Amino acid sequence: MPKVTFQKSGVTTDWDAVEDSLLELGESQGLDLDFGCRAGNCTMCQHKLVSGEVDYPFGHAADPDEGNILLCCSTPKTDVVIDA
């Protein structure tokens, strides 16, 4: 079970796959993260991936800036550190 760290917020938690995305995991931990469409179409939820790897199990239409990930539609493949 990968560990997910929201670096700026100081929150580290386990990914247990109960939530559908890293955005939902952050929200379950009380974080107020930006989002728009929740479907990977608008990039409002993008944050820098400091380390680790993510997957997009349901795909996405918009591409985040280089080095960033879309929290609304990504899941961790490994331990990840996100600049959020």
N, C-alpha and C. Protein backbone atom coordinates (compact mmCIF):
# COMPACT_ATOMS: atom_id res chain seq x y z
N MET A 1 0.85 -1.17 0.00
CA MET A 1 0.00 0.00 0.00
C MET A 1 0.90 1.24 0.00
N PRO A 2 0.85 2.04 -1.08
CA PRO A 2 1.71 3.22 -1.17
C PRO A 2 1.37 4.28 -0.13
N LYS A 3 2.39 5.03 0.25
CA LYS A 3 2.21 6.19 1.12
C LYS A 3 2.08 7.42 0.23
N VAL A 4 1.18 8.30 0.61
CA VAL A 4 0.96 9.55 -0.12
C VAL A 4 1.25 10.70 0.83
N THR A 5 2.16 11.57 0.42
CA THR A 5 2.50 12.74 1.22
C THR A 5 2.10 14.00 0.48
N PHE A 6 1.28 14.81 1.12
CA PHE A 6 0.94 16.14 0.63
C PHE A 6 1.90 17.08 1.36
N GLN A 7 3.00 17.41 0.69
CA GLN A 7 4.15 18.05 1.32
C GLN A 7 3.83 19.39 1.98
N LYS A 8 3.22 20.32 1.28
CA LYS A 8 2.93 21.64 1.86
C LYS A 8 1.98 21.55 3.05
N SER A 9 1.06 20.62 2.99
CA SER A 9 0.07 20.46 4.05
C SER A 9 0.58 19.66 5.23
N GLY A 10 1.70 18.95 5.05
CA GLY A 10 2.25 18.14 6.12
C GLY A 10 1.43 16.91 6.43
N VAL A 11 0.71 16.40 5.43
CA VAL A 11 -0.14 15.22 5.62
C VAL A 11 0.45 14.03 4.89
N THR A 12 0.62 12.93 5.60
CA THR A 12 1.04 11.67 5.00
C THR A 12 0.02 10.62 5.39
N THR A 13 -0.42 9.84 4.41
CA THR A 13 -1.43 8.82 4.66
C THR A 13 -1.20 7.65 3.71
N ASP A 14 -1.82 6.53 4.02
CA ASP A 14 -1.72 5.36 3.16
C ASP A 14 -2.79 5.42 2.08
N TRP A 15 -2.43 4.96 0.88
CA TRP A 15 -3.40 4.80 -0.20
C TRP A 15 -4.07 3.45 0.00
N ASP A 16 -5.35 3.44 0.29
CA ASP A 16 -6.05 2.19 0.53
C ASP A 16 -7.05 1.87 -0.57
N ALA A 17 -7.07 2.70 -1.63
CA ALA A 17 -7.93 2.51 -2.81
C ALA A 17 -9.42 2.60 -2.47
N VAL A 18 -9.76 3.18 -1.33
CA VAL A 18 -11.17 3.43 -1.02
C VAL A 18 -11.66 4.60 -1.87
N GLU A 19 -10.82 5.62 -2.00
CA GLU A 19 -11.15 6.77 -2.83
C GLU A 19 -10.77 6.45 -4.28
N ASP A 20 -11.35 7.20 -5.20
CA ASP A 20 -11.08 6.97 -6.62
C ASP A 20 -9.87 7.73 -7.15
N SER A 21 -9.38 8.73 -6.39
CA SER A 21 -8.29 9.57 -6.90
C SER A 21 -7.50 10.18 -5.75
N LEU A 22 -6.36 10.74 -6.10
CA LEU A 22 -5.56 11.45 -5.10
C LEU A 22 -6.28 12.69 -4.59
N LEU A 23 -7.09 13.31 -5.43
CA LEU A 23 -7.90 14.45 -4.98
C LEU A 23 -8.85 14.01 -3.87
N GLU A 24 -9.56 12.92 -4.08
CA GLU A 24 -10.50 12.43 -3.07
C GLU A 24 -9.77 12.01 -1.80
N LEU A 25 -8.58 11.44 -1.94
CA LEU A 25 -7.80 11.07 -0.75
C LEU A 25 -7.43 12.31 0.05
N GLY A 26 -6.97 13.35 -0.64
CA GLY A 26 -6.64 14.60 0.06
C GLY A 26 -7.84 15.19 0.76
N GLU A 27 -8.98 15.18 0.08
CA GLU A 27 -10.20 15.71 0.70
C GLU A 27 -10.60 14.89 1.92
N SER A 28 -10.38 13.58 1.87
CA SER A 28 -10.72 12.73 3.03
C SER A 28 -9.83 13.03 4.23
N GLN A 29 -8.69 13.68 3.96
CA GLN A 29 -7.76 14.06 5.03
C GLN A 29 -7.97 15.51 5.46
N GLY A 30 -9.03 16.15 4.95
CA GLY A 30 -9.36 17.51 5.34
C GLY A 30 -8.68 18.60 4.54
N LEU A 31 -8.03 18.24 3.43
CA LEU A 31 -7.35 19.24 2.62
C LEU A 31 -8.34 19.93 1.68
N ASP A 32 -8.13 21.21 1.47
CA ASP A 32 -8.95 22.01 0.55
C ASP A 32 -8.14 22.20 -0.73
N LEU A 33 -8.30 21.30 -1.68
CA LEU A 33 -7.52 21.30 -2.92
C LEU A 33 -8.36 21.83 -4.07
N ASP A 34 -7.72 22.60 -4.96
CA ASP A 34 -8.43 23.14 -6.12
C ASP A 34 -8.82 22.02 -7.07
N PHE A 35 -9.97 22.17 -7.69
CA PHE A 35 -10.41 21.24 -8.73
C PHE A 35 -11.47 21.95 -9.56
N GLY A 36 -11.77 21.37 -10.70
CA GLY A 36 -12.81 21.92 -11.56
C GLY A 36 -13.75 20.80 -11.99
N CYS A 37 -13.31 20.04 -12.96
CA CYS A 37 -14.19 19.06 -13.60
C CYS A 37 -14.23 17.69 -12.92
N ARG A 38 -13.20 17.34 -12.17
CA ARG A 38 -13.06 16.01 -11.55
C ARG A 38 -13.00 14.88 -12.57
N ALA A 39 -12.63 15.21 -13.80
CA ALA A 39 -12.58 14.19 -14.85
C ALA A 39 -11.31 14.27 -15.70
N GLY A 40 -10.37 15.13 -15.33
CA GLY A 40 -9.13 15.25 -16.09
C GLY A 40 -9.25 16.05 -17.36
N ASN A 41 -10.21 16.98 -17.40
CA ASN A 41 -10.42 17.78 -18.60
C ASN A 41 -9.95 19.22 -18.49
N CYS A 42 -9.73 19.74 -17.28
CA CYS A 42 -9.50 21.18 -17.15
C CYS A 42 -8.14 21.58 -16.56
N THR A 43 -7.42 20.73 -15.93
CA THR A 43 -6.11 20.93 -15.29
C THR A 43 -6.13 21.83 -14.05
N MET A 44 -7.30 22.19 -13.54
CA MET A 44 -7.33 23.03 -12.33
C MET A 44 -6.76 22.32 -11.11
N CYS A 45 -6.74 21.01 -11.11
CA CYS A 45 -6.28 20.23 -9.96
C CYS A 45 -4.80 19.85 -10.04
N GLN A 46 -4.09 20.37 -11.03
CA GLN A 46 -2.70 19.93 -11.19
C GLN A 46 -1.80 20.45 -10.08
N HIS A 47 -0.90 19.58 -9.65
CA HIS A 47 0.13 19.90 -8.66
C HIS A 47 1.42 19.20 -9.07
N LYS A 48 2.52 19.73 -8.59
CA LYS A 48 3.82 19.16 -8.89
C LYS A 48 3.97 17.81 -8.18
N LEU A 49 4.45 16.83 -8.91
CA LEU A 49 4.80 15.53 -8.33
C LEU A 49 6.27 15.61 -7.96
N VAL A 50 6.56 15.65 -6.67
CA VAL A 50 7.92 15.78 -6.17
C VAL A 50 8.67 14.47 -6.37
N SER A 51 8.01 13.35 -6.06
CA SER A 51 8.64 12.04 -6.26
C SER A 51 7.57 10.97 -6.38
N GLY A 52 7.95 9.85 -6.99
CA GLY A 52 7.05 8.73 -7.15
C GLY A 52 6.42 8.69 -8.53
N GLU A 53 5.50 7.73 -8.69
CA GLU A 53 4.82 7.54 -9.97
C GLU A 53 3.32 7.39 -9.74
N VAL A 54 2.55 7.93 -10.68
CA VAL A 54 1.09 7.79 -10.62
C VAL A 54 0.59 7.12 -11.89
N ASP A 55 -0.65 6.68 -11.81
CA ASP A 55 -1.34 6.08 -12.93
C ASP A 55 -2.64 6.85 -13.14
N TYR A 56 -3.16 6.81 -14.34
CA TYR A 56 -4.45 7.41 -14.67
C TYR A 56 -5.38 6.29 -15.13
N PRO A 57 -5.99 5.57 -14.19
CA PRO A 57 -6.76 4.37 -14.56
C PRO A 57 -7.96 4.63 -15.45
N PHE A 58 -8.51 5.83 -15.41
CA PHE A 58 -9.67 6.15 -16.24
C PHE A 58 -9.31 7.12 -17.36
N GLY A 59 -8.02 7.41 -17.52
CA GLY A 59 -7.56 8.33 -18.54
C GLY A 59 -7.81 9.78 -18.18
N HIS A 60 -7.45 10.68 -19.11
CA HIS A 60 -7.68 12.12 -18.95
C HIS A 60 -7.53 12.77 -20.31
N ALA A 61 -8.24 13.85 -20.52
CA ALA A 61 -8.21 14.55 -21.81
C ALA A 61 -7.19 15.68 -21.82
N ALA A 62 -7.00 16.36 -20.70
CA ALA A 62 -6.06 17.48 -20.61
C ALA A 62 -4.71 16.98 -20.12
N ASP A 63 -3.66 17.64 -20.57
CA ASP A 63 -2.32 17.28 -20.12
C ASP A 63 -1.82 18.31 -19.12
N PRO A 64 -1.36 17.83 -17.95
CA PRO A 64 -0.81 18.77 -16.98
C PRO A 64 0.53 19.31 -17.47
N ASP A 65 0.96 20.42 -16.88
CA ASP A 65 2.28 20.96 -17.18
C ASP A 65 3.34 19.92 -16.83
N GLU A 66 4.50 20.01 -17.46
CA GLU A 66 5.57 19.04 -17.22
C GLU A 66 5.93 18.99 -15.73
N GLY A 67 6.01 17.79 -15.20
CA GLY A 67 6.34 17.59 -13.79
C GLY A 67 5.14 17.62 -12.87
N ASN A 68 3.97 17.93 -13.42
CA ASN A 68 2.74 17.99 -12.63
C ASN A 68 1.87 16.77 -12.91
N ILE A 69 0.92 16.55 -12.00
CA ILE A 69 -0.08 15.49 -12.17
C ILE A 69 -1.46 16.08 -11.96
N LEU A 70 -2.45 15.39 -12.48
CA LEU A 70 -3.84 15.77 -12.26
C LEU A 70 -4.36 14.97 -11.08
N LEU A 71 -4.60 15.62 -9.95
CA LEU A 71 -5.03 14.92 -8.74
C LEU A 71 -6.40 14.26 -8.91
N CYS A 72 -7.27 14.85 -9.73
CA CYS A 72 -8.65 14.38 -9.81
C CYS A 72 -8.81 13.01 -10.46
N CYS A 73 -7.80 12.57 -11.20
CA CYS A 73 -7.97 11.30 -11.92
C CYS A 73 -6.74 10.41 -11.82
N SER A 74 -5.84 10.70 -10.89
CA SER A 74 -4.65 9.88 -10.73
C SER A 74 -4.68 9.08 -9.44
N THR A 75 -3.96 7.97 -9.48
CA THR A 75 -3.78 7.11 -8.32
C THR A 75 -2.29 6.80 -8.20
N PRO A 76 -1.78 6.53 -7.00
CA PRO A 76 -0.35 6.27 -6.87
C PRO A 76 0.02 4.85 -7.29
N LYS A 77 1.12 4.74 -8.04
CA LYS A 77 1.70 3.44 -8.37
C LYS A 77 2.75 3.06 -7.33
N THR A 78 3.39 4.09 -6.77
CA THR A 78 4.44 3.93 -5.76
C THR A 78 4.16 4.95 -4.66
N ASP A 79 5.01 4.99 -3.65
CA ASP A 79 4.94 6.09 -2.69
C ASP A 79 5.09 7.38 -3.47
N VAL A 80 4.28 8.38 -3.15
CA VAL A 80 4.36 9.66 -3.87
C VAL A 80 4.44 10.82 -2.88
N VAL A 81 5.12 11.87 -3.32
CA VAL A 81 5.16 13.14 -2.60
C VAL A 81 4.63 14.18 -3.57
N ILE A 82 3.60 14.90 -3.15
CA ILE A 82 2.93 15.89 -3.98
C ILE A 82 3.10 17.25 -3.33
N ASP A 83 3.40 18.26 -4.12
CA ASP A 83 3.60 19.62 -3.61
C ASP A 83 2.23 20.27 -3.42
N ALA A 84 1.53 19.83 -2.42
CA ALA A 84 0.18 20.36 -2.13
C ALA A 84 -0.03 20.42 -0.64
